[in-house]
Every structure is written in C-alpha cells, then in structure tokens.
Amino acid sequence: MTRETSVPSPAATPTPLKKPELLDQLVARSGLRKRDAKLALDAALALIGEALARGDDLILPPLGKIRRVKAKDLGAGAHLLTLKLRSSKDARQSGKTGLASDAEDV
C-alpha cells in the first residue's frame, strides 16, 4: 500500500507567510481593529513559542497537533526546534476557522 502526500512541486515554491501578512489576514477575518489584533497575535505567538520551548504538545484545532521532536541549543539564547504537525483531514477540507467571517456560513 502506498501513501499519497500532497507535496508542492519544485517549480511551485510557496512563499512564506510573514507576520505582517498574517496580521492583515487576521484583521480581515476577525473584524478586530488592527491594534487589538496585533496585541492578540503577539500574545498568542509568544505563548505558542514558550510552550514549544518547554516541550509541550499543542492541540490547536483547526491547525492540528504540534509536538516537538528534537531541540538543539544554538547558543546566545537561540534554539533549533524540529516539530511535527499533524493536521486533521476535516479541518483542511472545510476551511472553517471559527472567526467572524465564518458566522455568515451558518
């Protein structure tokens, strides 16, 4: 039995989602003011980073389950973390986020 995965082809290199773009998308989907969304995003990212640094598993629907596989100290307070993300099939297909824009679909 073979396992199919959807890996992007080398010709279709995805562009990284950076924090400013993530913030803009968060504002658009949530209806929050940019100032409030920035505070919430900064707090959430800090909490996620701290949990991963401690080695905690994270279960964050619809993103999925994240666990730390390896950690390496790079010195000067920097760390290299190898993470494993398992996303649910339903979350990827539905596109539901639980944010304000999805309330119209109900």
C-alpha atoms as a PDB file:
ATOM      1  CA  MET A   1       0.000   0.000   0.000  1.00  0.00           C
ATOM      2  CA  THR A   2       1.410   3.396  -0.973  1.00  0.00           C
ATOM      3  CA  ARG A   3       0.787   6.597   0.875  1.00  0.00           C
ATOM      4  CA  GLU A   4      -0.084   9.678  -1.120  1.00  0.00           C
ATOM      5  CA  THR A   5       1.049  13.065   0.086  1.00  0.00           C
ATOM      6  CA  SER A   6       0.490  16.468  -1.409  1.00  0.00           C
ATOM      7  CA  VAL A   7       3.985  17.886  -1.660  1.00  0.00           C
ATOM      8  CA  PRO A   8       4.373  21.016  -3.774  1.00  0.00           C
ATOM      9  CA  SER A   9       6.416  20.529  -6.912  1.00  0.00           C
ATOM     10  CA  PRO A  10       9.838  22.237  -7.014  1.00  0.00           C
ATOM     11  CA  ALA A  11       8.548  24.648  -9.686  1.00  0.00           C
ATOM     12  CA  ALA A  12       5.697  25.828  -7.409  1.00  0.00           C
ATOM     13  CA  THR A  13       7.715  27.109  -4.449  1.00  0.00           C
ATOM     14  CA  PRO A  14       5.357  28.518  -1.817  1.00  0.00           C
ATOM     15  CA  THR A  15       6.028  31.979  -0.453  1.00  0.00           C
ATOM     16  CA  PRO A  16       6.354  32.242   3.330  1.00  0.00           C
ATOM     17  CA  LEU A  17       3.551  33.858   5.295  1.00  0.00           C
ATOM     18  CA  LYS A  18       5.157  36.635   7.323  1.00  0.00           C
ATOM     19  CA  LYS A  19       3.776  38.263  10.441  1.00  0.00           C
ATOM     20  CA  PRO A  20       2.513  41.486   8.763  1.00  0.00           C
ATOM     21  CA  GLU A  21       0.543  39.484   6.193  1.00  0.00           C
ATOM     22  CA  LEU A  22      -0.773  37.181   8.920  1.00  0.00           C
ATOM     23  CA  LEU A  23      -1.881  40.233  10.902  1.00  0.00           C
ATOM     24  CA  ASP A  24      -3.676  41.704   7.880  1.00  0.00           C
ATOM     25  CA  GLN A  25      -5.487  38.420   7.257  1.00  0.00           C
ATOM     26  CA  LEU A  26      -6.407  38.151  10.932  1.00  0.00           C
ATOM     27  CA  VAL A  27      -7.918  41.644  10.859  1.00  0.00           C
ATOM     28  CA  ALA A  28      -9.871  40.827   7.694  1.00  0.00           C
ATOM     29  CA  ARG A  29     -11.281  37.549   9.037  1.00  0.00           C
ATOM     30  CA  SER A  30     -11.963  38.559  12.625  1.00  0.00           C
ATOM     31  CA  GLY A  31     -13.295  42.079  12.241  1.00  0.00           C
ATOM     32  CA  LEU A  32     -10.991  43.223  15.061  1.00  0.00           C
ATOM     33  CA  ARG A  33      -9.210  46.541  14.927  1.00  0.00           C
ATOM     34  CA  LYS A  34      -5.618  46.134  13.763  1.00  0.00           C
ATOM     35  CA  ARG A  35      -4.304  47.406  17.096  1.00  0.00           C
ATOM     36  CA  ASP A  36      -6.304  44.799  19.055  1.00  0.00           C
ATOM     37  CA  ALA A  37      -5.474  42.020  16.607  1.00  0.00           C
ATOM     38  CA  LYS A  38      -1.743  42.800  16.871  1.00  0.00           C
ATOM     39  CA  LEU A  39      -1.836  42.509  20.667  1.00  0.00           C
ATOM     40  CA  ALA A  40      -3.721  39.215  20.461  1.00  0.00           C
ATOM     41  CA  LEU A  41      -1.426  37.808  17.756  1.00  0.00           C
ATOM     42  CA  ASP A  42       1.728  38.791  19.657  1.00  0.00           C
ATOM     43  CA  ALA A  43       0.402  37.198  22.850  1.00  0.00           C
ATOM     44  CA  ALA A  44      -0.668  34.006  21.062  1.00  0.00           C
ATOM     45  CA  LEU A  45       2.663  33.610  19.257  1.00  0.00           C
ATOM     46  CA  ALA A  46       4.575  34.187  22.499  1.00  0.00           C
ATOM     47  CA  LEU A  47       2.505  31.551  24.321  1.00  0.00           C
ATOM     48  CA  ILE A  48       2.962  29.039  21.489  1.00  0.00           C
ATOM     49  CA  GLY A  49       6.717  29.671  21.395  1.00  0.00           C
ATOM     50  CA  GLU A  50       7.046  29.244  25.163  1.00  0.00           C
ATOM     51  CA  ALA A  51       5.042  26.009  25.128  1.00  0.00           C
ATOM     52  CA  LEU A  52       7.169  24.554  22.313  1.00  0.00           C
ATOM     53  CA  ALA A  53      10.377  25.593  24.092  1.00  0.00           C
ATOM     54  CA  ARG A  54       9.189  23.698  27.195  1.00  0.00           C
ATOM     55  CA  GLY A  55       8.469  20.633  25.065  1.00  0.00           C
ATOM     56  CA  ASP A  56       4.692  20.775  25.491  1.00  0.00           C
ATOM     57  CA  ASP A  57       2.451  19.228  22.852  1.00  0.00           C
ATOM     58  CA  LEU A  58      -0.066  21.658  21.383  1.00  0.00           C
ATOM     59  CA  ILE A  59      -3.514  20.665  20.176  1.00  0.00           C
ATOM     60  CA  LEU A  60      -4.815  23.667  18.243  1.00  0.00           C
ATOM     61  CA  PRO A  61      -7.793  22.997  16.007  1.00  0.00           C
ATOM     62  CA  PRO A  62      -8.102  23.667  13.111  1.00  0.00           C
ATOM     63  CA  LEU A  63      -4.291  23.832  12.747  1.00  0.00           C
ATOM     64  CA  GLY A  64      -3.739  20.411  14.311  1.00  0.00           C
ATOM     65  CA  LYS A  65      -1.458  18.755  16.841  1.00  0.00           C
ATOM     66  CA  ILE A  66       2.105  20.031  17.136  1.00  0.00           C
ATOM     67  CA  ARG A  67       4.804  18.201  19.027  1.00  0.00           C
ATOM     68  CA  ARG A  68       8.492  18.823  19.459  1.00  0.00           C
ATOM     69  CA  VAL A  69      10.629  16.035  18.034  1.00  0.00           C
ATOM     70  CA  LYS A  70      14.122  17.458  18.688  1.00  0.00           C
ATOM     71  CA  ALA A  71      15.700  20.537  20.186  1.00  0.00           C
ATOM     72  CA  LYS A  72      19.212  21.897  19.807  1.00  0.00           C
ATOM     73  CA  ASP A  73      20.741  24.823  21.678  1.00  0.00           C
ATOM     74  CA  LEU A  74      22.448  27.169  19.220  1.00  0.00           C
ATOM     75  CA  GLY A  75      23.897  29.425  21.904  1.00  0.00           C
ATOM     76  CA  ALA A  76      23.142  33.049  22.749  1.00  0.00           C
ATOM     77  CA  GLY A  77      19.600  32.048  23.752  1.00  0.00           C
ATOM     78  CA  ALA A  78      18.685  30.647  20.316  1.00  0.00           C
ATOM     79  CA  HIS A  79      17.269  27.159  19.817  1.00  0.00           C
ATOM     80  CA  LEU A  80      16.567  24.976  16.819  1.00  0.00           C
ATOM     81  CA  LEU A  81      13.334  23.017  17.217  1.00  0.00           C
ATOM     82  CA  THR A  82      12.247  20.190  14.960  1.00  0.00           C
ATOM     83  CA  LEU A  83       8.467  19.983  15.066  1.00  0.00           C
ATOM     84  CA  LYS A  84       5.891  17.535  13.800  1.00  0.00           C
ATOM     85  CA  LEU A  85       2.471  18.846  12.768  1.00  0.00           C
ATOM     86  CA  ARG A  86      -0.466  16.531  12.296  1.00  0.00           C
ATOM     87  CA  SER A  87      -3.465  18.279  10.808  1.00  0.00           C
ATOM     88  CA  SER A  88      -6.921  16.813  10.608  1.00  0.00           C
ATOM     89  CA  LYS A  89      -8.410  15.940   7.253  1.00  0.00           C
ATOM     90  CA  ASP A  90     -11.682  17.681   8.127  1.00  0.00           C
ATOM     91  CA  ALA A  91     -10.007  20.993   9.046  1.00  0.00           C
ATOM     92  CA  ARG A  92      -8.142  21.193   5.741  1.00  0.00           C
ATOM     93  CA  GLN A  93     -11.220  20.437   3.656  1.00  0.00           C
ATOM     94  CA  SER A  94     -13.789  22.571   5.446  1.00  0.00           C
ATOM     95  CA  GLY A  95     -11.843  25.819   5.673  1.00  0.00           C
ATOM     96  CA  LYS A  96     -13.772  26.691   8.857  1.00  0.00           C
ATOM     97  CA  THR A  97     -11.867  28.921  11.235  1.00  0.00           C
ATOM     98  CA  GLY A  98     -14.459  29.869  13.816  1.00  0.00           C
ATOM     99  CA  LEU A  99     -13.855  33.545  13.104  1.00  0.00           C
ATOM    100  CA  ALA A 100     -16.369  36.263  12.363  1.00  0.00           C
ATOM    101  CA  SER A 101     -16.381  35.687   8.601  1.00  0.00           C
ATOM    102  CA  ASP A 102     -17.442  32.048   9.087  1.00  0.00           C
ATOM    103  CA  ALA A 103     -20.506  33.035  11.142  1.00  0.00           C
ATOM    104  CA  GLU A 104     -22.231  34.033   7.901  1.00  0.00           C
ATOM    105  CA  ASP A 105     -21.924  30.473   6.579  1.00  0.00           C
ATOM    106  CA  VAL A 106     -24.031  29.013   9.416  1.00  0.00           C
END
